[in-house]
Amino acid sequence: MLNNIGLPGLLLIAVVVLVLFGRGKVSSLMGEVGKGITAFKKGVKDGAEEYDRAAEDAKKPIGQSPAEDAARAQAQTNEAMRDVTPHGTDRS
């Protein structure tokens, strides 16, 4: 059904859309489509970087004892809490 549209058919569709919606609406719609594509690409890139970081973390050797692993996890937790705790307030 859609295999034989061709260039003349696409041009006719573009002209009809332009007449129905006007140049301003079509222009703003294309701008929004462009922003969506940019956001999608950024999300894919961020996801790939996060995946790569997780893969690198998985390759790191595990500590020799569970106590060392627990101490490292506690240190990471404390560091994360320092990052989110507002400065100048008491955490107790």
C-alpha atoms as a PDB file:
ATOM      1  CA  MET A   1       0.000   0.000   0.000  1.00  0.00           C
ATOM      2  CA  LEU A   2       2.666   2.528   1.015  1.00  0.00           C
ATOM      3  CA  ASN A   3       5.322   1.048  -1.247  1.00  0.00           C
ATOM      4  CA  ASN A   4       4.404   3.122  -4.304  1.00  0.00           C
ATOM      5  CA  ILE A   5       4.024   6.643  -2.865  1.00  0.00           C
ATOM      6  CA  GLY A   6       7.177   8.031  -4.478  1.00  0.00           C
ATOM      7  CA  LEU A   7       8.487  11.581  -4.531  1.00  0.00           C
ATOM      8  CA  PRO A   8       5.424  13.220  -6.117  1.00  0.00           C
ATOM      9  CA  GLY A   9       3.164  11.658  -3.474  1.00  0.00           C
ATOM     10  CA  LEU A  10       5.393  12.865  -0.639  1.00  0.00           C
ATOM     11  CA  LEU A  11       5.455  16.379  -2.103  1.00  0.00           C
ATOM     12  CA  LEU A  12       1.662  16.394  -2.366  1.00  0.00           C
ATOM     13  CA  ILE A  13       1.339  15.280   1.265  1.00  0.00           C
ATOM     14  CA  ALA A  14       3.804  18.003   2.361  1.00  0.00           C
ATOM     15  CA  VAL A  15       1.823  20.685   0.485  1.00  0.00           C
ATOM     16  CA  VAL A  16      -1.484  19.526   1.999  1.00  0.00           C
ATOM     17  CA  VAL A  17      -0.027  19.532   5.518  1.00  0.00           C
ATOM     18  CA  LEU A  18       1.437  22.998   4.936  1.00  0.00           C
ATOM     19  CA  VAL A  19      -1.902  24.347   3.685  1.00  0.00           C
ATOM     20  CA  LEU A  20      -3.887  22.784   6.536  1.00  0.00           C
ATOM     21  CA  PHE A  21      -1.645  23.768   9.436  1.00  0.00           C
ATOM     22  CA  GLY A  22       0.301  26.767   8.169  1.00  0.00           C
ATOM     23  CA  ARG A  23       4.000  27.447   8.096  1.00  0.00           C
ATOM     24  CA  GLY A  24       4.250  28.519  11.761  1.00  0.00           C
ATOM     25  CA  LYS A  25       2.660  25.387  13.190  1.00  0.00           C
ATOM     26  CA  VAL A  26       4.689  23.062  10.969  1.00  0.00           C
ATOM     27  CA  SER A  27       7.883  24.932  11.856  1.00  0.00           C
ATOM     28  CA  SER A  28       7.234  24.732  15.599  1.00  0.00           C
ATOM     29  CA  LEU A  29       6.285  21.058  15.291  1.00  0.00           C
ATOM     30  CA  MET A  30       9.562  20.278  13.516  1.00  0.00           C
ATOM     31  CA  GLY A  31      11.441  22.177  16.231  1.00  0.00           C
ATOM     32  CA  GLU A  32       9.797  20.030  18.900  1.00  0.00           C
ATOM     33  CA  VAL A  33      10.593  16.867  16.934  1.00  0.00           C
ATOM     34  CA  GLY A  34      14.228  17.976  16.752  1.00  0.00           C
ATOM     35  CA  LYS A  35      14.341  18.568  20.515  1.00  0.00           C
ATOM     36  CA  GLY A  36      12.837  15.131  21.103  1.00  0.00           C
ATOM     37  CA  ILE A  37      15.412  13.453  18.894  1.00  0.00           C
ATOM     38  CA  THR A  38      18.217  15.320  20.682  1.00  0.00           C
ATOM     39  CA  ALA A  39      16.877  14.278  24.099  1.00  0.00           C
ATOM     40  CA  PHE A  40      16.557  10.675  22.933  1.00  0.00           C
ATOM     41  CA  LYS A  41      20.155  10.600  21.678  1.00  0.00           C
ATOM     42  CA  LYS A  42      21.383  12.110  24.961  1.00  0.00           C
ATOM     43  CA  GLY A  43      19.450   9.496  26.936  1.00  0.00           C
ATOM     44  CA  VAL A  44      20.894   6.661  24.872  1.00  0.00           C
ATOM     45  CA  LYS A  45      24.410   8.055  25.324  1.00  0.00           C
ATOM     46  CA  ASP A  46      23.942   8.451  29.095  1.00  0.00           C
ATOM     47  CA  GLY A  47      22.536   4.920  29.355  1.00  0.00           C
ATOM     48  CA  ALA A  48      25.491   3.504  27.446  1.00  0.00           C
ATOM     49  CA  GLU A  49      27.941   5.355  29.699  1.00  0.00           C
ATOM     50  CA  GLU A  50      26.145   4.088  32.809  1.00  0.00           C
ATOM     51  CA  TYR A  51      26.231   0.545  31.433  1.00  0.00           C
ATOM     52  CA  ASP A  52      29.967   0.859  30.718  1.00  0.00           C
ATOM     53  CA  ARG A  53      30.614   2.151  34.253  1.00  0.00           C
ATOM     54  CA  ALA A  54      28.651  -0.758  35.744  1.00  0.00           C
ATOM     55  CA  ALA A  55      30.615  -3.207  33.602  1.00  0.00           C
ATOM     56  CA  GLU A  56      33.901  -1.680  34.789  1.00  0.00           C
ATOM     57  CA  ASP A  57      32.725  -1.873  38.417  1.00  0.00           C
ATOM     58  CA  ALA A  58      31.842  -5.527  37.919  1.00  0.00           C
ATOM     59  CA  LYS A  59      35.384  -6.220  36.705  1.00  0.00           C
ATOM     60  CA  LYS A  60      36.951  -4.820  39.883  1.00  0.00           C
ATOM     61  CA  PRO A  61      38.221  -7.508  42.229  1.00  0.00           C
ATOM     62  CA  ILE A  62      36.176  -8.338  45.285  1.00  0.00           C
ATOM     63  CA  GLY A  63      37.826  -7.869  48.693  1.00  0.00           C
ATOM     64  CA  GLN A  64      39.481 -10.804  50.413  1.00  0.00           C
ATOM     65  CA  SER A  65      36.955 -10.936  53.230  1.00  0.00           C
ATOM     66  CA  PRO A  66      33.326  -9.990  53.785  1.00  0.00           C
ATOM     67  CA  ALA A  67      34.438  -7.533  56.476  1.00  0.00           C
ATOM     68  CA  GLU A  68      36.494  -5.593  53.902  1.00  0.00           C
ATOM     69  CA  ASP A  69      33.540  -5.572  51.521  1.00  0.00           C
ATOM     70  CA  ALA A  70      31.249  -4.298  54.296  1.00  0.00           C
ATOM     71  CA  ALA A  71      33.725  -1.578  55.260  1.00  0.00           C
ATOM     72  CA  ARG A  72      34.023  -0.448  51.634  1.00  0.00           C
ATOM     73  CA  ALA A  73      30.215  -0.398  51.255  1.00  0.00           C
ATOM     74  CA  GLN A  74      29.865   1.644  54.465  1.00  0.00           C
ATOM     75  CA  ALA A  75      32.475   4.122  53.231  1.00  0.00           C
ATOM     76  CA  GLN A  76      30.604   4.493  49.929  1.00  0.00           C
ATOM     77  CA  THR A  77      27.338   5.023  51.813  1.00  0.00           C
ATOM     78  CA  ASN A  78      28.915   7.679  54.027  1.00  0.00           C
ATOM     79  CA  GLU A  79      30.327   9.447  50.961  1.00  0.00           C
ATOM     80  CA  ALA A  80      26.924   9.399  49.269  1.00  0.00           C
ATOM     81  CA  MET A  81      25.284  10.824  52.395  1.00  0.00           C
ATOM     82  CA  ARG A  82      27.819  13.670  52.488  1.00  0.00           C
ATOM     83  CA  ASP A  83      26.914  14.495  48.888  1.00  0.00           C
ATOM     84  CA  VAL A  84      23.183  14.898  49.618  1.00  0.00           C
ATOM     85  CA  THR A  85      23.294  16.387  53.109  1.00  0.00           C
ATOM     86  CA  PRO A  86      22.968  20.192  53.157  1.00  0.00           C
ATOM     87  CA  HIS A  87      25.990  21.937  54.617  1.00  0.00           C
ATOM     88  CA  GLY A  88      25.649  23.694  57.939  1.00  0.00           C
ATOM     89  CA  THR A  89      22.919  21.421  59.303  1.00  0.00           C
ATOM     90  CA  ASP A  90      23.143  18.785  61.990  1.00  0.00           C
ATOM     91  CA  ARG A  91      22.468  15.231  60.775  1.00  0.00           C
ATOM     92  CA  SER A  92      21.629  13.810  64.209  1.00  0.00           C
END
